[in-house]
Amino acid sequence: DLAGKFQGCTCMPEHICHVDTLAYIANAKGFAAHPPL
């Protein structure tokens, strides 16, 4: 659903939020075994 798409949410745009976790999972090569740092 999310690979290669621009993901938008209502969090503060200049800070890390849950979109970064979703983008990491969606665009990971193979299996995203570990959570992002």
PDB file of all heavy atoms in Angstrom:
ATOM      1  N   ASP A   1       0.797  -1.224   0.000  1.00  0.00           N
ATOM      2  CA  ASP A   1       0.000   0.000   0.000  1.00  0.00           C
ATOM      3  C   ASP A   1       0.830   1.274   0.000  1.00  0.00           C
ATOM      4  O   ASP A   1       0.400   2.296  -0.565  1.00  0.00           O
ATOM      5  CB  ASP A   1      -0.933   0.031   1.217  1.00  0.00           C
ATOM      6  CG  ASP A   1      -2.017  -1.030   1.141  1.00  0.00           C
ATOM      7  OD1 ASP A   1      -2.197  -1.617   0.054  1.00  0.00           O
ATOM      8  OD2 ASP A   1      -2.661  -1.282   2.169  1.00  0.00           O
ATOM      9  N   LEU A   2       1.991   1.267   0.645  1.00  0.00           N
ATOM     10  CA  LEU A   2       2.721   2.516   0.872  1.00  0.00           C
ATOM     11  C   LEU A   2       4.068   2.625   0.171  1.00  0.00           C
ATOM     12  O   LEU A   2       4.678   3.697   0.206  1.00  0.00           O
ATOM     13  CB  LEU A   2       2.938   2.727   2.378  1.00  0.00           C
ATOM     14  CG  LEU A   2       1.691   2.799   3.247  1.00  0.00           C
ATOM     15  CD1 LEU A   2       2.079   2.950   4.707  1.00  0.00           C
ATOM     16  CD2 LEU A   2       0.798   3.932   2.811  1.00  0.00           C
ATOM     17  N   ALA A   3       4.561   1.571  -0.437  1.00  0.00           N
ATOM     18  CA  ALA A   3       5.894   1.620  -1.045  1.00  0.00           C
ATOM     19  C   ALA A   3       5.936   2.647  -2.171  1.00  0.00           C
ATOM     20  O   ALA A   3       5.091   2.658  -3.065  1.00  0.00           O
ATOM     21  CB  ALA A   3       6.283   0.251  -1.574  1.00  0.00           C
ATOM     22  N   GLY A   4       6.895   3.550  -2.107  1.00  0.00           N
ATOM     23  CA  GLY A   4       7.092   4.557  -3.153  1.00  0.00           C
ATOM     24  C   GLY A   4       6.100   5.698  -3.130  1.00  0.00           C
ATOM     25  O   GLY A   4       6.100   6.532  -4.034  1.00  0.00           O
ATOM     26  N   LYS A   5       5.260   5.781  -2.109  1.00  0.00           N
ATOM     27  CA  LYS A   5       4.263   6.852  -2.032  1.00  0.00           C
ATOM     28  C   LYS A   5       4.688   7.905  -1.023  1.00  0.00           C
ATOM     29  O   LYS A   5       5.400   7.625  -0.066  1.00  0.00           O
ATOM     30  CB  LYS A   5       2.897   6.305  -1.626  1.00  0.00           C
ATOM     31  CG  LYS A   5       2.266   5.413  -2.664  1.00  0.00           C
ATOM     32  CD  LYS A   5       0.903   4.969  -2.215  1.00  0.00           C
ATOM     33  CE  LYS A   5       0.260   4.072  -3.263  1.00  0.00           C
ATOM     34  NZ  LYS A   5      -1.010   3.548  -2.785  1.00  0.00           N
ATOM     35  N   PHE A   6       4.218   9.121  -1.252  1.00  0.00           N
ATOM     36  CA  PHE A   6       4.409  10.195  -0.284  1.00  0.00           C
ATOM     37  C   PHE A   6       3.371  10.004   0.809  1.00  0.00           C
ATOM     38  O   PHE A   6       2.184   9.953   0.541  1.00  0.00           O
ATOM     39  CB  PHE A   6       4.246  11.558  -0.960  1.00  0.00           C
ATOM     40  CG  PHE A   6       4.345  12.698  -0.006  1.00  0.00           C
ATOM     41  CD1 PHE A   6       5.582  13.141   0.427  1.00  0.00           C
ATOM     42  CD2 PHE A   6       3.214  13.326   0.466  1.00  0.00           C
ATOM     43  CE1 PHE A   6       5.682  14.186   1.312  1.00  0.00           C
ATOM     44  CE2 PHE A   6       3.301  14.375   1.356  1.00  0.00           C
ATOM     45  CZ  PHE A   6       4.540  14.810   1.778  1.00  0.00           C
ATOM     46  N   GLN A   7       3.836   9.901   2.061  1.00  0.00           N
ATOM     47  CA  GLN A   7       2.926   9.656   3.177  1.00  0.00           C
ATOM     48  C   GLN A   7       2.750  10.944   3.969  1.00  0.00           C
ATOM     49  O   GLN A   7       3.725  11.585   4.335  1.00  0.00           O
ATOM     50  CB  GLN A   7       3.491   8.556   4.066  1.00  0.00           C
ATOM     51  CG  GLN A   7       3.698   7.262   3.317  1.00  0.00           C
ATOM     52  CD  GLN A   7       4.577   6.314   4.063  1.00  0.00           C
ATOM     53  OE1 GLN A   7       4.720   6.418   5.262  1.00  0.00           O
ATOM     54  NE2 GLN A   7       5.167   5.378   3.358  1.00  0.00           N
ATOM     55  N   GLY A   8       1.521  11.297   4.237  1.00  0.00           N
ATOM     56  CA  GLY A   8       1.245  12.522   4.969  1.00  0.00           C
ATOM     57  C   GLY A   8       0.473  12.258   6.243  1.00  0.00           C
ATOM     58  O   GLY A   8      -0.361  11.353   6.313  1.00  0.00           O
ATOM     59  N   CYS A   9       0.786  13.042   7.271  1.00  0.00           N
ATOM     60  CA  CYS A   9       0.053  12.955   8.530  1.00  0.00           C
ATOM     61  C   CYS A   9      -0.054  14.358   9.120  1.00  0.00           C
ATOM     62  O   CYS A   9       0.445  15.324   8.554  1.00  0.00           O
ATOM     63  CB  CYS A   9       0.740  11.997   9.502  1.00  0.00           C
ATOM     64  SG  CYS A   9       2.266  12.642  10.170  1.00  0.00           S
ATOM     65  N   THR A  10      -0.678  14.457  10.275  1.00  0.00           N
ATOM     66  CA  THR A  10      -0.894  15.767  10.891  1.00  0.00           C
ATOM     67  C   THR A  10       0.114  16.085  11.976  1.00  0.00           C
ATOM     68  O   THR A  10      -0.058  17.050  12.711  1.00  0.00           O
ATOM     69  CB  THR A  10      -2.316  15.815  11.492  1.00  0.00           C
ATOM     70  OG1 THR A  10      -2.454  14.739  12.415  1.00  0.00           O
ATOM     71  CG2 THR A  10      -3.362  15.711  10.412  1.00  0.00           C
ATOM     72  N   CYS A  11       1.177  15.288  12.091  1.00  0.00           N
ATOM     73  CA  CYS A  11       2.220  15.573  13.079  1.00  0.00           C
ATOM     74  C   CYS A  11       3.035  16.786  12.628  1.00  0.00           C
ATOM     75  O   CYS A  11       2.874  17.281  11.526  1.00  0.00           O
ATOM     76  CB  CYS A  11       3.143  14.372  13.235  1.00  0.00           C
ATOM     77  SG  CYS A  11       2.320  12.899  13.865  1.00  0.00           S
ATOM     78  N   MET A  12       3.932  17.217  13.489  1.00  0.00           N
ATOM     79  CA  MET A  12       4.798  18.347  13.144  1.00  0.00           C
ATOM     80  C   MET A  12       5.714  17.922  11.999  1.00  0.00           C
ATOM     81  O   MET A  12       6.451  16.945  12.119  1.00  0.00           O
ATOM     82  CB  MET A  12       5.622  18.766  14.358  1.00  0.00           C
ATOM     83  CG  MET A  12       4.772  19.282  15.500  1.00  0.00           C
ATOM     84  SD  MET A  12       5.677  19.501  17.041  1.00  0.00           S
ATOM     85  CE  MET A  12       6.790  20.803  16.635  1.00  0.00           C
ATOM     86  N   PRO A  13       5.714  18.637  10.877  1.00  0.00           N
ATOM     87  CA  PRO A  13       6.442  18.156   9.693  1.00  0.00           C
ATOM     88  C   PRO A  13       7.953  18.127   9.841  1.00  0.00           C
ATOM     89  O   PRO A  13       8.617  17.350   9.194  1.00  0.00           O
ATOM     90  CB  PRO A  13       6.016  19.135   8.599  1.00  0.00           C
ATOM     91  CG  PRO A  13       5.524  20.335   9.312  1.00  0.00           C
ATOM     92  CD  PRO A  13       5.007  19.877  10.634  1.00  0.00           C
ATOM     93  N   GLU A  14       8.513  18.959  10.709  1.00  0.00           N
ATOM     94  CA  GLU A  14       9.968  19.008  10.808  1.00  0.00           C
ATOM     95  C   GLU A  14      10.541  17.991  11.797  1.00  0.00           C
ATOM     96  O   GLU A  14      11.745  17.925  11.975  1.00  0.00           O
ATOM     97  CB  GLU A  14      10.438  20.421  11.185  1.00  0.00           C
ATOM     98  CG  GLU A  14       9.991  20.880  12.546  1.00  0.00           C
ATOM     99  CD  GLU A  14       8.623  21.561  12.547  1.00  0.00           C
ATOM    100  OE1 GLU A  14       7.967  21.604  11.500  1.00  0.00           O
ATOM    101  OE2 GLU A  14       8.220  22.040  13.612  1.00  0.00           O
ATOM    102  N   HIS A  15       9.699  17.189  12.428  1.00  0.00           N
ATOM    103  CA  HIS A  15      10.174  16.222  13.417  1.00  0.00           C
ATOM    104  C   HIS A  15       9.829  14.801  12.989  1.00  0.00           C
ATOM    105  O   HIS A  15       8.920  14.563  12.215  1.00  0.00           O
ATOM    106  CB  HIS A  15       9.564  16.519  14.787  1.00  0.00           C
ATOM    107  CG  HIS A  15       9.939  17.860  15.305  1.00  0.00           C
ATOM    108  ND1 HIS A  15      11.219  18.180  15.680  1.00  0.00           N
ATOM    109  CD2 HIS A  15       9.217  18.983  15.468  1.00  0.00           C
ATOM    110  CE1 HIS A  15      11.269  19.432  16.060  1.00  0.00           C
ATOM    111  NE2 HIS A  15      10.059  19.941  15.948  1.00  0.00           N
ATOM    112  N   ILE A  16      10.560  13.865  13.564  1.00  0.00           N
ATOM    113  CA  ILE A  16      10.336  12.452  13.273  1.00  0.00           C
ATOM    114  C   ILE A  16       9.004  12.021  13.886  1.00  0.00           C
ATOM    115  O   ILE A  16       8.697  12.376  15.018  1.00  0.00           O
ATOM    116  CB  ILE A  16      11.491  11.625  13.856  1.00  0.00           C
ATOM    117  CG1 ILE A  16      12.772  11.955  13.108  1.00  0.00           C
ATOM    118  CG2 ILE A  16      11.201  10.153  13.790  1.00  0.00           C
ATOM    119  CD1 ILE A  16      13.999  11.290  13.692  1.00  0.00           C
ATOM    120  N   CYS A  17       8.211  11.273  13.129  1.00  0.00           N
ATOM    121  CA  CYS A  17       6.934  10.767  13.665  1.00  0.00           C
ATOM    122  C   CYS A  17       6.710   9.351  13.146  1.00  0.00           C
ATOM    123  O   CYS A  17       7.611   8.732  12.583  1.00  0.00           O
ATOM    124  CB  CYS A  17       5.784  11.705  13.321  1.00  0.00           C
ATOM    125  SG  CYS A  17       5.343  11.708  11.584  1.00  0.00           S
ATOM    126  N   HIS A  18       5.495   8.846  13.286  1.00  0.00           N
ATOM    127  CA  HIS A  18       5.208   7.464  12.914  1.00  0.00           C
ATOM    128  C   HIS A  18       5.329   7.219  11.416  1.00  0.00           C
ATOM    129  O   HIS A  18       5.504   6.093  10.973  1.00  0.00           O
ATOM    130  CB  HIS A  18       3.819   7.051  13.412  1.00  0.00           C
ATOM    131  CG  HIS A  18       2.690   7.706  12.696  1.00  0.00           C
ATOM    132  ND1 HIS A  18       2.344   9.024  12.897  1.00  0.00           N
ATOM    133  CD2 HIS A  18       1.832   7.232  11.772  1.00  0.00           C
ATOM    134  CE1 HIS A  18       1.317   9.327  12.132  1.00  0.00           C
ATOM    135  NE2 HIS A  18       0.989   8.257  11.441  1.00  0.00           N
ATOM    136  N   VAL A  19       5.276   8.278  10.609  1.00  0.00           N
ATOM    137  CA  VAL A  19       5.433   8.133   9.167  1.00  0.00           C
ATOM    138  C   VAL A  19       6.824   7.595   8.830  1.00  0.00           C
ATOM    139  O   VAL A  19       6.987   6.815   7.896  1.00  0.00           O
ATOM    140  CB  VAL A  19       5.185   9.492   8.465  1.00  0.00           C
ATOM    141  CG1 VAL A  19       5.556   9.438   7.008  1.00  0.00           C
ATOM    142  CG2 VAL A  19       3.729   9.880   8.608  1.00  0.00           C
ATOM    143  N   ASP A  20       7.819   7.980   9.610  1.00  0.00           N
ATOM    144  CA  ASP A  20       9.172   7.505   9.353  1.00  0.00           C
ATOM    145  C   ASP A  20       9.279   5.996   9.579  1.00  0.00           C
ATOM    146  O   ASP A  20       9.984   5.306   8.843  1.00  0.00           O
ATOM    147  CB  ASP A  20      10.166   8.251  10.242  1.00  0.00           C
ATOM    148  CG  ASP A  20      10.164   9.735   9.936  1.00  0.00           C
ATOM    149  OD1 ASP A  20      10.387  10.093   8.773  1.00  0.00           O
ATOM    150  OD2 ASP A  20       9.924  10.517  10.864  1.00  0.00           O
ATOM    151  N   THR A  21       8.572   5.488  10.569  1.00  0.00           N
ATOM    152  CA  THR A  21       8.556   4.038  10.796  1.00  0.00           C
ATOM    153  C   THR A  21       7.870   3.331   9.635  1.00  0.00           C
ATOM    154  O   THR A  21       8.365   2.319   9.131  1.00  0.00           O
ATOM    155  CB  THR A  21       7.830   3.708  12.114  1.00  0.00           C
ATOM    156  OG1 THR A  21       8.437   4.431  13.173  1.00  0.00           O
ATOM    157  CG2 THR A  21       7.878   2.234  12.420  1.00  0.00           C
ATOM    158  N   LEU A  22       6.738   3.877   9.186  1.00  0.00           N
ATOM    159  CA  LEU A  22       6.025   3.267   8.060  1.00  0.00           C
ATOM    160  C   LEU A  22       6.850   3.333   6.782  1.00  0.00           C
ATOM    161  O   LEU A  22       6.892   2.380   6.007  1.00  0.00           O
ATOM    162  CB  LEU A  22       4.679   3.970   7.855  1.00  0.00           C
ATOM    163  CG  LEU A  22       3.640   3.749   8.954  1.00  0.00           C
ATOM    164  CD1 LEU A  22       2.454   4.657   8.754  1.00  0.00           C
ATOM    165  CD2 LEU A  22       3.214   2.298   8.998  1.00  0.00           C
ATOM    166  N   ALA A  23       7.529   4.454   6.544  1.00  0.00           N
ATOM    167  CA  ALA A  23       8.361   4.582   5.352  1.00  0.00           C
ATOM    168  C   ALA A  23       9.534   3.606   5.400  1.00  0.00           C
ATOM    169  O   ALA A  23       9.921   3.042   4.376  1.00  0.00           O
ATOM    170  CB  ALA A  23       8.863   6.016   5.221  1.00  0.00           C
ATOM    171  N   TYR A  24      10.092   3.404   6.578  1.00  0.00           N
ATOM    172  CA  TYR A  24      11.195   2.452   6.728  1.00  0.00           C
ATOM    173  C   TYR A  24      10.732   1.038   6.374  1.00  0.00           C
ATOM    174  O   TYR A  24      11.416   0.306   5.668  1.00  0.00           O
ATOM    175  CB  TYR A  24      11.722   2.503   8.158  1.00  0.00           C
ATOM    176  CG  TYR A  24      12.821   1.516   8.431  1.00  0.00           C
ATOM    177  CD1 TYR A  24      14.126   1.780   8.056  1.00  0.00           C
ATOM    178  CD2 TYR A  24      12.541   0.310   9.070  1.00  0.00           C
ATOM    179  CE1 TYR A  24      15.137   0.867   8.315  1.00  0.00           C
ATOM    180  CE2 TYR A  24      13.543  -0.599   9.326  1.00  0.00           C
ATOM    181  CZ  TYR A  24      14.839  -0.318   8.943  1.00  0.00           C
ATOM    182  OH  TYR A  24      15.831  -1.222   9.200  1.00  0.00           O
ATOM    183  N   ILE A  25       9.559   0.668   6.861  1.00  0.00           N
ATOM    184  CA  ILE A  25       9.039  -0.670   6.583  1.00  0.00           C
ATOM    185  C   ILE A  25       8.664  -0.798   5.110  1.00  0.00           C
ATOM    186  O   ILE A  25       8.974  -1.796   4.462  1.00  0.00           O
ATOM    187  CB  ILE A  25       7.823  -0.974   7.481  1.00  0.00           C
ATOM    188  CG1 ILE A  25       8.252  -1.036   8.943  1.00  0.00           C
ATOM    189  CG2 ILE A  25       7.147  -2.274   7.082  1.00  0.00           C
ATOM    190  CD1 ILE A  25       7.098  -1.055   9.919  1.00  0.00           C
ATOM    191  N   ALA A  26       8.002   0.214   4.564  1.00  0.00           N
ATOM    192  CA  ALA A  26       7.514   0.141   3.185  1.00  0.00           C
ATOM    193  C   ALA A  26       8.647   0.102   2.168  1.00  0.00           C
ATOM    194  O   ALA A  26       8.536  -0.570   1.141  1.00  0.00           O
ATOM    195  CB  ALA A  26       6.604   1.334   2.894  1.00  0.00           C
ATOM    196  N   ASN A  27       9.729   0.806   2.434  1.00  0.00           N
ATOM    197  CA  ASN A  27      10.805   0.908   1.455  1.00  0.00           C
ATOM    198  C   ASN A  27      12.024   0.058   1.788  1.00  0.00           C
ATOM    199  O   ASN A  27      13.064   0.194   1.152  1.00  0.00           O
ATOM    200  CB  ASN A  27      11.226   2.372   1.307  1.00  0.00           C
ATOM    201  CG  ASN A  27      10.076   3.217   0.814  1.00  0.00           C
ATOM    202  OD1 ASN A  27       9.320   2.806  -0.049  1.00  0.00           O
ATOM    203  ND2 ASN A  27       9.923   4.399   1.385  1.00  0.00           N
ATOM    204  N   ALA A  28      11.910  -0.815   2.790  1.00  0.00           N
ATOM    205  CA  ALA A  28      13.045  -1.664   3.167  1.00  0.00           C
ATOM    206  C   ALA A  28      13.255  -2.731   2.114  1.00  0.00           C
ATOM    207  O   ALA A  28      12.310  -3.281   1.557  1.00  0.00           O
ATOM    208  CB  ALA A  28      12.796  -2.299   4.527  1.00  0.00           C
ATOM    209  N   LYS A  29      14.513  -3.014   1.864  1.00  0.00           N
ATOM    210  CA  LYS A  29      14.856  -4.105   0.940  1.00  0.00           C
ATOM    211  C   LYS A  29      14.768  -5.407   1.727  1.00  0.00           C
ATOM    212  O   LYS A  29      15.389  -5.566   2.761  1.00  0.00           O
ATOM    213  CB  LYS A  29      16.280  -3.928   0.418  1.00  0.00           C
ATOM    214  CG  LYS A  29      16.524  -2.609  -0.259  1.00  0.00           C
ATOM    215  CD  LYS A  29      15.967  -2.607  -1.640  1.00  0.00           C
ATOM    216  CE  LYS A  29      16.416  -1.355  -2.374  1.00  0.00           C
ATOM    217  NZ  LYS A  29      15.358  -0.624  -2.963  1.00  0.00           N
ATOM    218  N   GLY A  30      13.991  -6.341   1.229  1.00  0.00           N
ATOM    219  CA  GLY A  30      13.812  -7.594   1.951  1.00  0.00           C
ATOM    220  C   GLY A  30      12.905  -7.389   3.149  1.00  0.00           C
ATOM    221  O   GLY A  30      11.927  -6.662   3.103  1.00  0.00           O
ATOM    222  N   PHE A  31      13.262  -7.994   4.250  1.00  0.00           N
ATOM    223  CA  PHE A  31      12.443  -7.936   5.465  1.00  0.00           C
ATOM    224  C   PHE A  31      13.025  -6.906   6.422  1.00  0.00           C
ATOM    225  O   PHE A  31      14.214  -6.909   6.693  1.00  0.00           O
ATOM    226  CB  PHE A  31      12.400  -9.313   6.128  1.00  0.00           C
ATOM    227  CG  PHE A  31      11.601  -9.350   7.382  1.00  0.00           C
ATOM    228  CD1 PHE A  31      10.225  -9.181   7.347  1.00  0.00           C
ATOM    229  CD2 PHE A  31      12.205  -9.540   8.604  1.00  0.00           C
ATOM    230  CE1 PHE A  31       9.473  -9.212   8.510  1.00  0.00           C
ATOM    231  CE2 PHE A  31      11.466  -9.569   9.769  1.00  0.00           C
ATOM    232  CZ  PHE A  31      10.088  -9.413   9.709  1.00  0.00           C
ATOM    233  N   ALA A  32      12.201  -6.015   6.912  1.00  0.00           N
ATOM    234  CA  ALA A  32      12.640  -4.991   7.870  1.00  0.00           C
ATOM    235  C   ALA A  32      12.678  -5.620   9.259  1.00  0.00           C
ATOM    236  O   ALA A  32      11.757  -5.467  10.046  1.00  0.00           O
ATOM    237  CB  ALA A  32      11.694  -3.796   7.834  1.00  0.00           C
ATOM    238  N   ALA A  33      13.741  -6.351   9.527  1.00  0.00           N
ATOM    239  CA  ALA A  33      13.808  -7.141  10.748  1.00  0.00           C
ATOM    240  C   ALA A  33      13.959  -6.303  12.003  1.00  0.00           C
ATOM    241  O   ALA A  33      13.500  -6.685  13.056  1.00  0.00           O
ATOM    242  CB  ALA A  33      14.961  -8.132  10.656  1.00  0.00           C
ATOM    243  N   HIS A  34      14.621  -5.192  11.905  1.00  0.00           N
ATOM    244  CA  HIS A  34      14.888  -4.381  13.084  1.00  0.00           C
ATOM    245  C   HIS A  34      14.175  -3.044  12.967  1.00  0.00           C
ATOM    246  O   HIS A  34      14.112  -2.470  11.887  1.00  0.00           O
ATOM    247  CB  HIS A  34      16.386  -4.146  13.239  1.00  0.00           C
ATOM    248  CG  HIS A  34      17.153  -5.417  13.361  1.00  0.00           C
ATOM    249  ND1 HIS A  34      17.111  -6.189  14.494  1.00  0.00           N
ATOM    250  CD2 HIS A  34      17.958  -6.070  12.495  1.00  0.00           C
ATOM    251  CE1 HIS A  34      17.869  -7.261  14.324  1.00  0.00           C
ATOM    252  NE2 HIS A  34      18.392  -7.203  13.121  1.00  0.00           N
ATOM    253  N   PRO A  35      13.663  -2.537  14.077  1.00  0.00           N
ATOM    254  CA  PRO A  35      13.048  -1.207  14.028  1.00  0.00           C
ATOM    255  C   PRO A  35      14.096  -0.160  13.665  1.00  0.00           C
ATOM    256  O   PRO A  35      15.287  -0.362  13.897  1.00  0.00           O
ATOM    257  CB  PRO A  35      12.530  -0.987  15.443  1.00  0.00           C
ATOM    258  CG  PRO A  35      12.966  -2.121  16.260  1.00  0.00           C
ATOM    259  CD  PRO A  35      13.605  -3.135  15.389  1.00  0.00           C
ATOM    260  N   PRO A  36      13.680   0.942  13.065  1.00  0.00           N
ATOM    261  CA  PRO A  36      14.644   1.989  12.732  1.00  0.00           C
ATOM    262  C   PRO A  36      15.317   2.532  13.980  1.00  0.00           C
ATOM    263  O   PRO A  36      14.754   2.495  15.066  1.00  0.00           O
ATOM    264  CB  PRO A  36      13.796   3.060  12.045  1.00  0.00           C
ATOM    265  CG  PRO A  36      12.400   2.754  12.393  1.00  0.00           C
ATOM    266  CD  PRO A  36      12.324   1.293  12.707  1.00  0.00           C
ATOM    267  N   LEU A  37      16.523   3.018  13.810  1.00  0.00           N
ATOM    268  CA  LEU A  37      17.270   3.535  14.953  1.00  0.00           C
ATOM    269  C   LEU A  37      16.529   4.702  15.568  1.00  0.00           C
ATOM    270  O   LEU A  37      16.083   5.608  14.877  1.00  0.00           O
ATOM    271  CB  LEU A  37      18.662   3.973  14.507  1.00  0.00           C
ATOM    272  CG  LEU A  37      19.568   2.853  14.030  1.00  0.00           C
ATOM    273  CD1 LEU A  37      20.861   3.439  13.497  1.00  0.00           C
ATOM    274  CD2 LEU A  37      19.858   1.880  15.148  1.00  0.00           C
TER     275      LEU A  37
END
